[in-house]
Protein backbone atom coordinates (compact mmCIF):
# COMPACT_ATOMS: atom_id res chain seq x y z
CA ALA A 1 -2.78 -16.55 -6.88
CA PHE A 2 -0.20 -14.38 -5.08
CA ARG A 3 -2.49 -11.36 -4.95
CA LEU A 4 -5.35 -13.48 -3.64
CA ARG A 5 -3.18 -15.07 -0.95
CA HIS A 6 -1.95 -11.70 0.31
CA ARG A 7 -5.05 -9.63 -0.44
CA GLU A 8 -5.80 -8.54 3.12
CA ARG A 9 -2.19 -7.75 4.02
CA LEU A 10 -1.87 -5.71 0.82
CA LYS A 11 -5.07 -3.77 1.53
CA GLU A 12 -3.93 -3.07 5.08
CA ALA A 13 -0.51 -1.86 3.94
CA VAL A 14 -1.92 0.50 1.31
CA ALA A 15 -4.58 1.81 3.69
CA THR A 16 -2.01 2.43 6.42
CA VAL A 17 0.23 4.41 4.05
CA VAL A 18 -2.71 6.59 3.03
CA ARG A 19 -4.23 7.03 6.48
CA THR A 20 -0.93 8.04 8.04
CA VAL A 21 -0.17 10.36 5.10
CA MET A 22 3.23 8.86 4.27
CA ASP A 23 5.36 10.33 1.54
CA LYS A 24 7.06 8.07 -1.01
CA LYS A 25 10.21 7.52 1.03
CA ALA A 26 8.33 6.63 4.22
CA ALA A 27 5.89 4.43 2.28
CA THR A 28 8.72 2.47 0.67
CA ALA A 29 10.32 1.80 4.05
CA PHE A 30 6.97 0.81 5.58
CA VAL A 31 6.07 -1.52 2.71
CA ARG A 32 9.45 -3.24 2.92
CA ARG A 33 9.02 -3.74 6.67
CA GLU A 34 5.60 -5.27 6.05
CA ALA A 35 7.03 -7.49 3.31
CA SER A 36 9.76 -8.71 5.65
CA LYS A 37 7.04 -10.20 7.87
CA LEU A 38 6.06 -12.71 5.18
CA PRO A 39 7.23 -16.24 5.94
CA GLU A 40 8.41 -17.02 2.39
CA PRO A 41 11.53 -15.05 1.36
CA ALA A 42 10.56 -15.33 -2.31
CA ASP A 43 7.25 -13.57 -1.60
CA ARG A 44 8.80 -10.54 0.09
CA ALA A 45 10.11 -8.74 -2.99
CA HIS A 46 6.94 -9.53 -4.92
CA PHE A 47 4.76 -8.14 -2.13
CA ALA A 48 6.82 -4.94 -1.89
CA THR A 49 6.68 -4.41 -5.65
CA LEU A 50 2.95 -5.06 -5.76
CA ALA A 51 2.19 -2.72 -2.84
CA GLU A 52 4.30 0.07 -4.34
CA SER A 53 2.56 -0.43 -7.67
CA GLU A 54 -0.84 -0.20 -5.98
CA LEU A 55 0.16 3.04 -4.28
CA THR A 56 1.42 4.67 -7.46
CA SER A 57 -1.75 3.71 -9.33
CA LEU A 58 -4.14 4.87 -6.60
CA HIS A 59 -6.65 7.44 -7.86
CA GLU A 60 -10.16 8.80 -7.28
CA GLY A 61 -11.75 5.85 -9.03
CA ASN A 62 -10.16 3.05 -7.01
CA PHE A 63 -9.23 4.24 -3.50
CA ALA A 64 -12.53 2.96 -2.07
CA ARG A 65 -11.38 -0.66 -2.50
CA TYR A 66 -9.01 0.00 0.39
CA ARG A 67 -11.85 1.24 2.61
CA LEU A 68 -10.51 4.78 2.55
CA ARG A 69 -12.55 7.94 2.92
CA PRO A 70 -12.28 10.69 0.33
CA SER A 71 -10.77 13.04 2.93
CA GLU A 72 -8.06 10.48 3.77
CA PHE A 73 -7.23 10.00 0.11
CA ASP A 74 -7.13 13.75 -0.59
CA ALA A 75 -4.81 14.46 2.35
CA TRP A 76 -2.45 11.68 1.29
CA ARG A 77 -2.45 12.62 -2.39
CA LYS A 78 -1.20 16.13 -1.55
CA THR A 79 1.80 14.64 0.24
CA TRP A 80 2.41 11.91 -2.32
CA HIS A 81 2.64 14.16 -5.40
């Protein structure tokens, strides 16, 4: 239910991290800022954890679900690893 409720915000956060080629430190800060915008305090930590998990599990077989181009994913992956 949580993932469904925040699906679009989660997709936007992951896509922004990839498109702007953030490293892990910058991505963590960005995701926490995005989480802080949620109205429910209890949802903030869950959102941040979920977004970070999505980023660490992003690979060639699933990046398209975030409407990312292969070139965007490749550029980000080089910075991320």
